[in-house]
């Protein structure tokens, strides 16, 4: 079993990375492997609503990490997304990538029923709003959300600060333990997937 963790910070080994590594320690302690994928610092495309993904099965833009992350998510058993807090929300580049990763995934097996979690890093505030925003990707995609013993956040301005946030680090480890437990429970339970009804879409414009 393996978990894909996305480092949505422009800093490859900054505070978000430090939090994800702490989760990774707990995963490996429970014999679950992980990979941390850094989104980098290059510009990313926003979705242009061209709907070419309906034919391609992936985003038409292939010069940023969106399609690479989508392929890695397809191969993963669990998914964790980490972001710094920008104006009480996630990094815009990260959200832009996630918009396209999820919208262009025309094969729902890429994400459906895979345990997931969001992690936020802040100097002070905005973590819960950031986590709430990231959780929206999971709850619309039939992805079970893994909880911890507190909201999944660490605090600090530098990785060294984060390493002094003992409660935050414990929250990360607990998230790792809980993710490993859920993955193993799903595997050992070996239950058939829930019934999936045909999608119904409605709007409220009266003619």
N, C-alpha and C. Protein backbone atom coordinates (compact mmCIF):
# COMPACT_ATOMS: atom_id res chain seq x y z
N UNK A 1 0.84 -1.19 0.00
CA UNK A 1 0.00 0.00 0.00
C UNK A 1 0.88 1.24 0.00
N UNK A 2 0.39 2.28 -0.65
CA UNK A 2 1.18 3.50 -0.72
C UNK A 2 0.26 4.72 -0.73
N UNK A 3 0.78 5.81 -0.20
CA UNK A 3 0.04 7.07 -0.10
C UNK A 3 0.79 8.14 -0.89
N UNK A 4 0.08 8.83 -1.75
CA UNK A 4 0.63 9.97 -2.46
C UNK A 4 0.37 11.22 -1.64
N UNK A 5 1.46 11.94 -1.33
CA UNK A 5 1.33 13.19 -0.59
C UNK A 5 1.82 14.34 -1.47
N UNK A 6 0.99 15.35 -1.61
CA UNK A 6 1.30 16.50 -2.45
C UNK A 6 1.80 17.65 -1.58
N UNK A 7 3.00 18.12 -1.89
CA UNK A 7 3.54 19.32 -1.24
C UNK A 7 3.14 20.51 -2.09
N UNK A 8 2.10 21.22 -1.66
CA UNK A 8 1.57 22.34 -2.42
C UNK A 8 2.21 23.67 -2.11
N UNK A 9 3.39 23.63 -1.49
CA UNK A 9 4.12 24.86 -1.18
C UNK A 9 5.19 25.12 -2.23
N UNK A 10 5.50 26.38 -2.51
CA UNK A 10 6.62 26.64 -3.42
C UNK A 10 7.96 26.24 -2.81
N UNK A 11 8.00 26.07 -1.49
CA UNK A 11 9.24 25.69 -0.81
C UNK A 11 9.31 24.16 -0.72
N UNK A 12 10.27 23.57 -1.42
CA UNK A 12 10.33 22.11 -1.53
C UNK A 12 10.55 21.43 -0.20
N UNK A 13 11.36 22.03 0.67
CA UNK A 13 11.64 21.41 1.96
C UNK A 13 11.27 22.35 3.11
N UNK A 14 10.17 23.07 2.97
CA UNK A 14 9.73 24.02 3.97
C UNK A 14 8.81 23.40 5.01
N UNK A 15 7.89 24.21 5.51
CA UNK A 15 7.01 23.80 6.61
C UNK A 15 6.03 22.69 6.21
N UNK A 16 5.44 22.81 5.02
CA UNK A 16 4.52 21.76 4.56
C UNK A 16 5.26 20.44 4.42
N UNK A 17 6.42 20.47 3.82
CA UNK A 17 7.24 19.25 3.68
C UNK A 17 7.53 18.65 5.04
N UNK A 18 7.87 19.47 6.02
CA UNK A 18 8.18 18.98 7.36
C UNK A 18 6.99 18.25 7.96
N UNK A 19 5.79 18.80 7.76
CA UNK A 19 4.57 18.15 8.25
C UNK A 19 4.33 16.82 7.55
N UNK A 20 4.52 16.79 6.23
CA UNK A 20 4.28 15.57 5.47
C UNK A 20 5.28 14.47 5.84
N UNK A 21 6.51 14.85 6.09
CA UNK A 21 7.51 13.86 6.51
C UNK A 21 7.11 13.22 7.83
N UNK A 22 6.55 14.02 8.74
CA UNK A 22 6.11 13.47 10.03
C UNK A 22 4.98 12.46 9.83
N UNK A 23 4.07 12.76 8.90
CA UNK A 23 3.02 11.79 8.55
C UNK A 23 3.66 10.53 7.98
N UNK A 24 4.66 10.73 7.10
CA UNK A 24 5.32 9.60 6.46
C UNK A 24 5.98 8.66 7.46
N UNK A 25 6.54 9.21 8.53
CA UNK A 25 7.16 8.36 9.56
C UNK A 25 6.13 7.41 10.16
N UNK A 26 4.94 7.94 10.43
CA UNK A 26 3.88 7.11 11.00
C UNK A 26 3.39 6.07 10.00
N UNK A 27 3.31 6.46 8.73
CA UNK A 27 2.89 5.50 7.70
C UNK A 27 3.88 4.34 7.61
N UNK A 28 5.15 4.67 7.52
CA UNK A 28 6.17 3.62 7.37
C UNK A 28 6.26 2.75 8.63
N UNK A 29 6.00 3.33 9.77
CA UNK A 29 5.97 2.56 11.02
C UNK A 29 4.89 1.48 10.94
N UNK A 30 3.87 1.75 10.12
CA UNK A 30 2.76 0.81 9.94
C UNK A 30 2.82 0.09 8.60
N UNK A 31 4.03 0.06 8.02
CA UNK A 31 4.28 -0.69 6.77
C UNK A 31 3.48 -0.18 5.59
N UNK A 32 3.26 1.13 5.55
CA UNK A 32 2.63 1.77 4.40
C UNK A 32 3.65 2.73 3.79
N UNK A 33 3.89 2.59 2.51
CA UNK A 33 4.88 3.43 1.84
C UNK A 33 4.24 4.76 1.44
N UNK A 34 5.08 5.73 1.08
CA UNK A 34 4.55 7.03 0.66
C UNK A 34 5.52 7.70 -0.28
N UNK A 35 4.99 8.65 -1.04
CA UNK A 35 5.78 9.52 -1.90
C UNK A 35 5.33 10.95 -1.69
N UNK A 36 6.28 11.87 -1.55
CA UNK A 36 5.95 13.30 -1.50
C UNK A 36 6.27 13.90 -2.86
N UNK A 37 5.25 14.47 -3.50
CA UNK A 37 5.42 15.10 -4.80
C UNK A 37 5.31 16.61 -4.63
N UNK A 38 6.35 17.32 -5.04
CA UNK A 38 6.37 18.77 -4.93
C UNK A 38 5.83 19.39 -6.21
N UNK A 39 4.89 20.33 -6.10
CA UNK A 39 4.29 20.91 -7.31
C UNK A 39 5.22 21.88 -8.02
N UNK A 40 6.29 22.30 -7.35
CA UNK A 40 7.26 23.17 -8.00
C UNK A 40 6.86 24.63 -7.96
N UNK A 41 7.60 25.43 -8.72
CA UNK A 41 7.40 26.89 -8.71
C UNK A 41 7.10 27.47 -10.09
N UNK A 42 6.98 26.61 -11.09
CA UNK A 42 6.69 27.12 -12.42
C UNK A 42 5.20 27.46 -12.55
N UNK A 43 4.84 28.36 -13.46
CA UNK A 43 3.43 28.70 -13.65
C UNK A 43 2.61 27.49 -14.05
N UNK A 44 1.36 27.47 -13.62
CA UNK A 44 0.45 26.38 -13.97
C UNK A 44 -0.76 26.95 -14.68
N UNK A 45 -1.37 26.12 -15.52
CA UNK A 45 -2.55 26.55 -16.29
C UNK A 45 -3.81 26.48 -15.44
N UNK A 46 -4.68 27.43 -15.63
CA UNK A 46 -6.02 27.31 -15.11
C UNK A 46 -6.89 26.54 -16.09
N UNK A 47 -7.97 25.96 -15.60
CA UNK A 47 -8.89 25.25 -16.48
C UNK A 47 -9.55 26.26 -17.42
N UNK A 48 -9.56 25.96 -18.71
CA UNK A 48 -10.16 26.86 -19.70
C UNK A 48 -11.50 26.32 -20.21
N UNK A 49 -12.03 25.27 -19.54
CA UNK A 49 -13.34 24.71 -19.87
C UNK A 49 -13.45 24.29 -21.33
N UNK A 50 -12.35 23.74 -21.87
CA UNK A 50 -12.37 23.30 -23.27
C UNK A 50 -13.00 21.92 -23.41
N UNK A 51 -13.07 21.17 -22.28
CA UNK A 51 -13.66 19.83 -22.24
C UNK A 51 -12.94 18.82 -23.13
N UNK A 52 -11.71 19.13 -23.53
CA UNK A 52 -10.93 18.15 -24.29
C UNK A 52 -10.62 16.92 -23.44
N UNK A 53 -10.65 17.08 -22.12
CA UNK A 53 -10.37 15.95 -21.24
C UNK A 53 -11.41 14.84 -21.39
N UNK A 54 -12.62 15.17 -21.86
CA UNK A 54 -13.63 14.14 -22.07
C UNK A 54 -13.17 13.12 -23.10
N UNK A 55 -12.38 13.56 -24.06
CA UNK A 55 -11.85 12.66 -25.08
C UNK A 55 -10.49 12.10 -24.70
N UNK A 56 -9.67 12.94 -24.08
CA UNK A 56 -8.29 12.54 -23.78
C UNK A 56 -8.17 11.71 -22.51
N UNK A 57 -9.09 11.89 -21.57
CA UNK A 57 -8.96 11.22 -20.28
C UNK A 57 -7.94 11.88 -19.38
N UNK A 58 -7.47 13.03 -19.77
CA UNK A 58 -6.53 13.82 -18.97
C UNK A 58 -6.63 15.26 -19.46
N UNK A 59 -5.93 16.17 -18.77
CA UNK A 59 -5.98 17.56 -19.17
C UNK A 59 -5.20 17.79 -20.47
N UNK A 60 -5.71 18.69 -21.29
CA UNK A 60 -5.05 18.97 -22.57
C UNK A 60 -3.68 19.64 -22.36
N UNK A 61 -3.52 20.34 -21.25
CA UNK A 61 -2.22 20.97 -20.94
C UNK A 61 -1.30 19.93 -20.31
N UNK A 62 -0.19 19.70 -20.95
CA UNK A 62 0.71 18.64 -20.49
C UNK A 62 2.09 19.17 -20.11
N UNK A 63 2.18 20.47 -19.83
CA UNK A 63 3.48 21.06 -19.53
C UNK A 63 3.57 21.59 -18.11
N UNK A 64 2.69 21.09 -17.22
CA UNK A 64 2.82 21.34 -15.79
C UNK A 64 2.45 20.04 -15.07
N UNK A 65 2.49 20.00 -13.74
CA UNK A 65 2.39 18.70 -13.06
C UNK A 65 1.02 18.04 -13.00
N UNK A 66 -0.04 18.65 -13.51
CA UNK A 66 -1.39 18.13 -13.31
C UNK A 66 -1.54 16.67 -13.75
N UNK A 67 -1.15 16.37 -14.98
CA UNK A 67 -1.33 15.01 -15.48
C UNK A 67 -0.40 14.01 -14.79
N UNK A 68 0.77 14.47 -14.41
CA UNK A 68 1.69 13.60 -13.67
C UNK A 68 1.09 13.23 -12.32
N UNK A 69 0.53 14.22 -11.62
CA UNK A 69 -0.09 13.94 -10.33
C UNK A 69 -1.30 13.03 -10.50
N UNK A 70 -2.08 13.28 -11.55
CA UNK A 70 -3.25 12.43 -11.78
C UNK A 70 -2.85 10.97 -11.98
N UNK A 71 -1.79 10.71 -12.72
CA UNK A 71 -1.32 9.35 -12.93
C UNK A 71 -0.83 8.73 -11.62
N UNK A 72 -0.12 9.52 -10.83
CA UNK A 72 0.36 9.02 -9.54
C UNK A 72 -0.80 8.72 -8.60
N UNK A 73 -1.84 9.56 -8.64
CA UNK A 73 -3.03 9.31 -7.82
C UNK A 73 -3.71 8.02 -8.24
N UNK A 74 -3.73 7.75 -9.53
CA UNK A 74 -4.34 6.51 -10.02
C UNK A 74 -3.64 5.29 -9.43
N UNK A 75 -2.34 5.38 -9.24
CA UNK A 75 -1.55 4.25 -8.74
C UNK A 75 -1.51 4.18 -7.22
N UNK A 76 -1.96 5.23 -6.55
CA UNK A 76 -1.87 5.30 -5.08
C UNK A 76 -3.12 4.69 -4.43
N UNK A 77 -2.96 4.32 -3.15
CA UNK A 77 -4.08 3.81 -2.37
C UNK A 77 -4.70 4.89 -1.50
N UNK A 78 -3.92 5.91 -1.16
CA UNK A 78 -4.40 7.01 -0.35
C UNK A 78 -3.82 8.31 -0.84
N UNK A 79 -4.41 9.44 -0.39
CA UNK A 79 -4.04 10.74 -0.95
C UNK A 79 -4.06 11.78 0.16
N UNK A 80 -2.95 12.51 0.30
CA UNK A 80 -2.87 13.60 1.27
C UNK A 80 -2.34 14.84 0.56
N UNK A 81 -3.02 15.95 0.75
CA UNK A 81 -2.62 17.21 0.12
C UNK A 81 -2.25 18.21 1.20
N UNK A 82 -1.04 18.77 1.10
CA UNK A 82 -0.59 19.77 2.05
C UNK A 82 -0.42 21.12 1.39
N UNK A 83 -0.81 22.18 2.10
CA UNK A 83 -0.70 23.53 1.55
C UNK A 83 -0.31 24.53 2.62
N UNK A 84 0.45 25.55 2.24
CA UNK A 84 0.61 26.70 3.13
C UNK A 84 -0.67 27.52 3.10
N UNK A 85 -0.81 28.39 4.08
CA UNK A 85 -1.98 29.27 4.13
C UNK A 85 -1.64 30.59 3.46
N UNK A 86 -2.42 30.92 2.43
CA UNK A 86 -2.31 32.21 1.74
C UNK A 86 -3.64 32.94 1.90
N UNK A 87 -3.65 34.03 2.62
CA UNK A 87 -4.89 34.81 2.81
C UNK A 87 -6.04 33.90 3.27
N UNK A 88 -5.76 33.09 4.28
CA UNK A 88 -6.76 32.19 4.90
C UNK A 88 -7.27 31.14 3.93
N UNK A 89 -6.47 30.77 2.93
CA UNK A 89 -6.85 29.73 2.00
C UNK A 89 -5.62 29.01 1.46
N UNK A 90 -5.83 27.98 0.63
CA UNK A 90 -4.71 27.23 0.08
C UNK A 90 -3.95 28.04 -0.98
N UNK A 91 -2.76 27.60 -1.28
CA UNK A 91 -1.97 28.15 -2.38
C UNK A 91 -2.78 28.09 -3.67
N UNK A 92 -2.89 29.21 -4.38
CA UNK A 92 -3.68 29.25 -5.61
C UNK A 92 -3.19 28.30 -6.67
N UNK A 93 -1.87 28.14 -6.80
CA UNK A 93 -1.34 27.22 -7.80
C UNK A 93 -1.77 25.80 -7.51
N UNK A 94 -1.80 25.44 -6.23
CA UNK A 94 -2.24 24.10 -5.85
C UNK A 94 -3.70 23.89 -6.22
N UNK A 95 -4.56 24.85 -5.90
CA UNK A 95 -5.98 24.71 -6.23
C UNK A 95 -6.19 24.64 -7.74
N UNK A 96 -5.41 25.42 -8.48
CA UNK A 96 -5.52 25.37 -9.94
C UNK A 96 -5.20 23.98 -10.46
N UNK A 97 -4.15 23.37 -9.92
CA UNK A 97 -3.80 22.00 -10.33
C UNK A 97 -4.89 21.02 -9.93
N UNK A 98 -5.38 21.12 -8.69
CA UNK A 98 -6.40 20.19 -8.23
C UNK A 98 -7.69 20.33 -9.03
N UNK A 99 -8.06 21.57 -9.41
CA UNK A 99 -9.23 21.76 -10.27
C UNK A 99 -9.13 20.89 -11.52
N UNK A 100 -7.97 20.94 -12.15
CA UNK A 100 -7.79 20.22 -13.42
C UNK A 100 -7.58 18.73 -13.20
N UNK A 101 -6.89 18.35 -12.13
CA UNK A 101 -6.67 16.93 -11.85
C UNK A 101 -8.00 16.21 -11.67
N UNK A 102 -8.87 16.80 -10.87
CA UNK A 102 -10.14 16.13 -10.58
C UNK A 102 -11.13 16.26 -11.73
N UNK A 103 -11.20 17.42 -12.36
CA UNK A 103 -12.17 17.59 -13.44
C UNK A 103 -11.83 16.74 -14.65
N UNK A 104 -10.56 16.61 -14.94
CA UNK A 104 -10.15 15.88 -16.15
C UNK A 104 -10.04 14.38 -15.94
N UNK A 105 -10.22 13.92 -14.70
CA UNK A 105 -10.12 12.48 -14.42
C UNK A 105 -11.42 11.80 -14.82
N UNK A 106 -11.56 11.54 -16.09
CA UNK A 106 -12.80 10.94 -16.59
C UNK A 106 -12.96 9.48 -16.16
N UNK A 107 -11.85 8.85 -15.74
CA UNK A 107 -11.91 7.51 -15.15
C UNK A 107 -12.00 7.69 -13.63
N UNK A 108 -13.19 7.49 -13.05
CA UNK A 108 -13.35 7.77 -11.61
C UNK A 108 -12.54 6.86 -10.71
N UNK A 109 -12.04 5.74 -11.23
CA UNK A 109 -11.23 4.85 -10.40
C UNK A 109 -9.92 5.51 -9.99
N UNK A 110 -9.59 6.62 -10.65
CA UNK A 110 -8.37 7.35 -10.30
C UNK A 110 -8.45 7.83 -8.85
N UNK A 111 -9.63 8.22 -8.38
CA UNK A 111 -9.75 8.79 -7.04
C UNK A 111 -10.84 8.16 -6.18
N UNK A 112 -11.84 7.56 -6.79
CA UNK A 112 -13.03 7.13 -6.06
C UNK A 112 -12.71 6.12 -4.95
N UNK A 113 -13.22 6.40 -3.75
CA UNK A 113 -13.11 5.55 -2.56
C UNK A 113 -11.70 5.43 -1.99
N UNK A 114 -10.81 6.33 -2.39
CA UNK A 114 -9.47 6.33 -1.81
C UNK A 114 -9.43 7.27 -0.60
N UNK A 115 -8.98 6.78 0.55
CA UNK A 115 -8.89 7.64 1.74
C UNK A 115 -8.03 8.87 1.47
N UNK A 116 -8.44 10.00 2.03
CA UNK A 116 -7.78 11.26 1.71
C UNK A 116 -7.74 12.16 2.93
N UNK A 117 -6.87 13.16 2.87
CA UNK A 117 -6.79 14.13 3.96
C UNK A 117 -6.11 15.39 3.46
N UNK A 118 -6.41 16.50 4.11
CA UNK A 118 -5.79 17.78 3.81
C UNK A 118 -4.99 18.24 5.02
N UNK A 119 -3.85 18.87 4.74
CA UNK A 119 -2.97 19.38 5.79
C UNK A 119 -2.64 20.83 5.48
N UNK A 120 -2.60 21.67 6.52
CA UNK A 120 -2.28 23.09 6.32
C UNK A 120 -1.14 23.50 7.24
N UNK A 121 -0.35 24.44 6.75
CA UNK A 121 0.74 25.01 7.54
C UNK A 121 0.59 26.53 7.54
N UNK A 122 0.67 27.13 8.71
CA UNK A 122 0.52 28.58 8.81
C UNK A 122 1.44 29.14 9.88
N UNK A 123 1.77 30.40 9.71
CA UNK A 123 2.49 31.09 10.77
C UNK A 123 1.57 31.25 11.98
N UNK A 124 0.28 31.56 11.70
CA UNK A 124 -0.62 31.83 12.82
C UNK A 124 -2.04 31.32 12.59
N UNK A 125 -2.74 31.85 11.57
CA UNK A 125 -4.17 31.53 11.43
C UNK A 125 -4.50 31.18 9.99
N UNK A 126 -5.76 30.72 9.78
CA UNK A 126 -6.24 30.39 8.44
C UNK A 126 -6.18 28.92 8.10
N UNK A 127 -5.74 28.10 9.04
CA UNK A 127 -5.55 26.68 8.72
C UNK A 127 -6.88 25.96 8.49
N UNK A 128 -7.88 26.21 9.32
CA UNK A 128 -9.12 25.46 9.17
C UNK A 128 -9.85 25.81 7.88
N UNK A 129 -9.79 27.08 7.49
CA UNK A 129 -10.40 27.47 6.22
C UNK A 129 -9.68 26.82 5.05
N UNK A 130 -8.38 26.71 5.16
CA UNK A 130 -7.59 26.06 4.11
C UNK A 130 -7.95 24.58 4.01
N UNK A 131 -8.03 23.91 5.14
CA UNK A 131 -8.40 22.49 5.16
C UNK A 131 -9.80 22.29 4.60
N UNK A 132 -10.73 23.15 5.00
CA UNK A 132 -12.11 23.05 4.50
C UNK A 132 -12.14 23.15 2.97
N UNK A 133 -11.39 24.09 2.43
CA UNK A 133 -11.36 24.28 0.97
C UNK A 133 -10.82 23.03 0.28
N UNK A 134 -9.74 22.47 0.79
CA UNK A 134 -9.14 21.29 0.16
C UNK A 134 -10.04 20.07 0.30
N UNK A 135 -10.75 19.97 1.41
CA UNK A 135 -11.63 18.83 1.61
C UNK A 135 -12.75 18.77 0.57
N UNK A 136 -13.08 19.92 -0.03
CA UNK A 136 -14.15 19.94 -1.03
C UNK A 136 -13.82 19.04 -2.22
N UNK A 137 -12.54 18.94 -2.57
CA UNK A 137 -12.15 18.06 -3.68
C UNK A 137 -12.47 16.60 -3.34
N UNK A 138 -12.31 16.25 -2.09
CA UNK A 138 -12.51 14.86 -1.69
C UNK A 138 -13.99 14.52 -1.53
N UNK A 139 -14.74 15.43 -0.92
CA UNK A 139 -16.13 15.10 -0.62
C UNK A 139 -17.01 15.06 -1.86
N UNK A 140 -16.59 15.72 -2.94
CA UNK A 140 -17.36 15.63 -4.18
C UNK A 140 -16.94 14.43 -5.01
N UNK A 141 -15.89 13.73 -4.56
CA UNK A 141 -15.29 12.66 -5.36
C UNK A 141 -15.41 11.28 -4.71
N UNK A 142 -16.28 11.14 -3.72
CA UNK A 142 -16.48 9.87 -3.02
C UNK A 142 -15.20 9.37 -2.35
N UNK A 143 -14.41 10.28 -1.83
CA UNK A 143 -13.16 9.91 -1.17
C UNK A 143 -13.36 10.02 0.34
N UNK A 144 -13.24 8.92 1.09
CA UNK A 144 -13.37 9.00 2.55
C UNK A 144 -12.28 9.89 3.14
N UNK A 145 -12.66 10.77 4.05
CA UNK A 145 -11.70 11.68 4.67
C UNK A 145 -11.18 11.07 5.97
N UNK A 146 -9.86 11.06 6.10
CA UNK A 146 -9.21 10.53 7.30
C UNK A 146 -9.01 11.68 8.29
N UNK A 147 -9.40 11.46 9.52
CA UNK A 147 -9.26 12.49 10.55
C UNK A 147 -8.04 12.22 11.42
N UNK A 148 -7.77 13.16 12.32
CA UNK A 148 -6.69 13.00 13.29
C UNK A 148 -7.27 13.28 14.68
N UNK A 149 -6.42 13.69 15.63
CA UNK A 149 -6.90 14.03 16.96
C UNK A 149 -7.13 15.53 17.12
N UNK A 150 -6.90 16.29 16.04
CA UNK A 150 -7.13 17.73 16.00
C UNK A 150 -7.19 18.10 14.53
N UNK A 151 -7.46 19.36 14.21
CA UNK A 151 -7.43 19.75 12.81
C UNK A 151 -6.00 19.62 12.29
N UNK A 152 -5.88 19.17 11.04
CA UNK A 152 -4.58 18.77 10.49
C UNK A 152 -3.72 19.98 10.14
N UNK A 153 -3.11 20.58 11.15
CA UNK A 153 -2.34 21.79 10.92
C UNK A 153 -1.08 21.81 11.77
N UNK A 154 -0.06 22.46 11.21
CA UNK A 154 1.14 22.78 11.97
C UNK A 154 1.36 24.28 11.89
N UNK A 155 2.11 24.79 12.86
CA UNK A 155 2.34 26.23 12.91
C UNK A 155 3.83 26.54 12.99
N UNK A 156 4.21 27.61 12.31
CA UNK A 156 5.59 28.04 12.33
C UNK A 156 5.94 28.81 11.07
N UNK A 157 6.98 29.60 11.15
CA UNK A 157 7.43 30.37 10.00
C UNK A 157 8.55 29.66 9.25
N UNK A 158 9.21 28.71 9.90
CA UNK A 158 10.29 27.94 9.31
C UNK A 158 10.13 26.47 9.68
N UNK A 159 10.79 25.56 8.97
CA UNK A 159 10.74 24.15 9.37
C UNK A 159 11.20 23.93 10.81
N UNK A 160 12.16 24.74 11.25
CA UNK A 160 12.63 24.62 12.63
C UNK A 160 11.52 24.98 13.62
N UNK A 161 10.71 25.98 13.26
CA UNK A 161 9.56 26.33 14.10
C UNK A 161 8.58 25.16 14.17
N UNK A 162 8.31 24.57 13.02
CA UNK A 162 7.36 23.45 12.97
C UNK A 162 7.83 22.30 13.85
N UNK A 163 9.12 22.05 13.87
CA UNK A 163 9.66 20.96 14.68
C UNK A 163 9.49 21.23 16.17
N UNK A 164 9.19 22.48 16.54
CA UNK A 164 8.91 22.80 17.95
C UNK A 164 7.42 22.77 18.27
N UNK A 165 6.59 22.62 17.23
CA UNK A 165 5.15 22.53 17.43
C UNK A 165 4.79 21.09 17.77
N UNK A 166 4.96 20.73 19.03
CA UNK A 166 4.80 19.34 19.44
C UNK A 166 3.38 18.83 19.21
N UNK A 167 2.40 19.69 19.47
CA UNK A 167 1.01 19.26 19.26
C UNK A 167 0.73 19.06 17.77
N UNK A 168 1.24 19.99 16.95
CA UNK A 168 1.04 19.85 15.51
C UNK A 168 1.70 18.58 14.97
N UNK A 169 2.90 18.28 15.43
CA UNK A 169 3.59 17.08 14.98
C UNK A 169 2.84 15.82 15.41
N UNK A 170 2.30 15.84 16.63
CA UNK A 170 1.51 14.69 17.07
C UNK A 170 0.26 14.53 16.21
N UNK A 171 -0.35 15.66 15.84
CA UNK A 171 -1.52 15.60 14.96
C UNK A 171 -1.15 14.96 13.62
N UNK A 172 0.03 15.29 13.10
CA UNK A 172 0.48 14.70 11.84
C UNK A 172 0.71 13.19 12.00
N UNK A 173 1.37 12.79 13.08
CA UNK A 173 1.62 11.36 13.29
C UNK A 173 0.30 10.60 13.44
N UNK A 174 -0.62 11.19 14.18
CA UNK A 174 -1.92 10.54 14.37
C UNK A 174 -2.64 10.39 13.03
N UNK A 175 -2.54 11.40 12.19
CA UNK A 175 -3.12 11.30 10.85
C UNK A 175 -2.50 10.15 10.08
N UNK A 176 -1.18 10.00 10.19
CA UNK A 176 -0.51 8.89 9.52
C UNK A 176 -0.97 7.54 10.04
N UNK A 177 -1.09 7.43 11.37
CA UNK A 177 -1.58 6.18 11.96
C UNK A 177 -3.00 5.87 11.48
N UNK A 178 -3.85 6.90 11.48
CA UNK A 178 -5.24 6.69 11.09
C UNK A 178 -5.37 6.35 9.60
N UNK A 179 -4.53 6.98 8.77
CA UNK A 179 -4.53 6.65 7.35
C UNK A 179 -4.13 5.19 7.13
N UNK A 180 -3.08 4.75 7.81
CA UNK A 180 -2.63 3.36 7.68
C UNK A 180 -3.73 2.40 8.15
N UNK A 181 -4.38 2.76 9.25
CA UNK A 181 -5.46 1.90 9.78
C UNK A 181 -6.60 1.80 8.78
N UNK A 182 -7.00 2.92 8.19
CA UNK A 182 -8.11 2.88 7.24
C UNK A 182 -7.74 2.08 5.99
N UNK A 183 -6.53 2.28 5.48
CA UNK A 183 -6.11 1.53 4.30
C UNK A 183 -6.12 0.02 4.56
N UNK A 184 -5.60 -0.36 5.72
CA UNK A 184 -5.57 -1.79 6.05
C UNK A 184 -6.98 -2.33 6.28
N UNK A 185 -7.83 -1.54 6.91
CA UNK A 185 -9.20 -1.97 7.16
C UNK A 185 -9.95 -2.19 5.85
N UNK A 186 -9.75 -1.29 4.89
CA UNK A 186 -10.39 -1.44 3.58
C UNK A 186 -9.88 -2.69 2.88
N UNK A 187 -8.57 -2.89 2.92
CA UNK A 187 -7.98 -4.03 2.24
C UNK A 187 -8.43 -5.34 2.86
N UNK A 188 -8.39 -5.41 4.18
CA UNK A 188 -8.73 -6.66 4.86
C UNK A 188 -10.23 -6.91 4.87
N UNK A 189 -11.02 -5.84 4.86
CA UNK A 189 -12.46 -6.01 4.81
C UNK A 189 -12.92 -6.59 3.49
N UNK A 190 -12.24 -6.19 2.41
CA UNK A 190 -12.48 -6.75 1.08
C UNK A 190 -13.97 -6.76 0.71
N UNK A 191 -14.64 -5.66 1.00
CA UNK A 191 -16.05 -5.54 0.67
C UNK A 191 -16.24 -4.98 -0.74
N UNK A 192 -17.31 -5.36 -1.42
CA UNK A 192 -17.57 -4.75 -2.73
C UNK A 192 -17.84 -3.27 -2.58
N UNK A 193 -17.54 -2.52 -3.60
CA UNK A 193 -17.76 -1.08 -3.55
C UNK A 193 -19.25 -0.77 -3.48
N UNK A 194 -19.62 0.37 -2.90
CA UNK A 194 -21.03 0.74 -2.81
C UNK A 194 -21.66 0.88 -4.20
N UNK A 195 -22.98 0.74 -4.22
CA UNK A 195 -23.71 0.96 -5.46
C UNK A 195 -23.55 2.41 -5.91
N UNK A 196 -23.36 2.60 -7.20
CA UNK A 196 -23.20 3.94 -7.75
C UNK A 196 -24.33 4.20 -8.72
N UNK A 197 -25.19 5.13 -8.38
CA UNK A 197 -26.31 5.47 -9.24
C UNK A 197 -25.83 6.34 -10.40
N UNK A 198 -26.60 6.34 -11.47
CA UNK A 198 -26.31 7.22 -12.58
C UNK A 198 -26.42 8.67 -12.11
N UNK A 199 -25.48 9.48 -12.52
CA UNK A 199 -25.43 10.87 -12.06
C UNK A 199 -26.66 11.65 -12.51
N UNK A 200 -27.24 12.39 -11.59
CA UNK A 200 -28.36 13.27 -11.89
C UNK A 200 -27.89 14.70 -11.69
N UNK A 201 -28.06 15.54 -12.69
CA UNK A 201 -27.68 16.94 -12.57
C UNK A 201 -28.92 17.82 -12.78
N UNK A 202 -29.13 18.74 -11.88
CA UNK A 202 -30.29 19.62 -11.97
C UNK A 202 -29.86 21.07 -11.87
N UNK A 203 -30.74 21.96 -12.31
CA UNK A 203 -30.53 23.38 -12.09
C UNK A 203 -31.90 23.97 -11.77
N UNK A 204 -31.95 25.24 -11.47
CA UNK A 204 -33.17 25.83 -10.95
C UNK A 204 -33.64 27.02 -11.78
N UNK A 205 -33.32 26.96 -13.06
CA UNK A 205 -33.79 28.00 -13.96
C UNK A 205 -35.15 27.58 -14.51
N UNK A 206 -36.16 28.40 -14.31
CA UNK A 206 -37.49 28.07 -14.81
C UNK A 206 -37.69 28.69 -16.16
N UNK A 207 -38.28 27.94 -17.06
CA UNK A 207 -38.54 28.42 -18.41
C UNK A 207 -39.97 28.97 -18.50
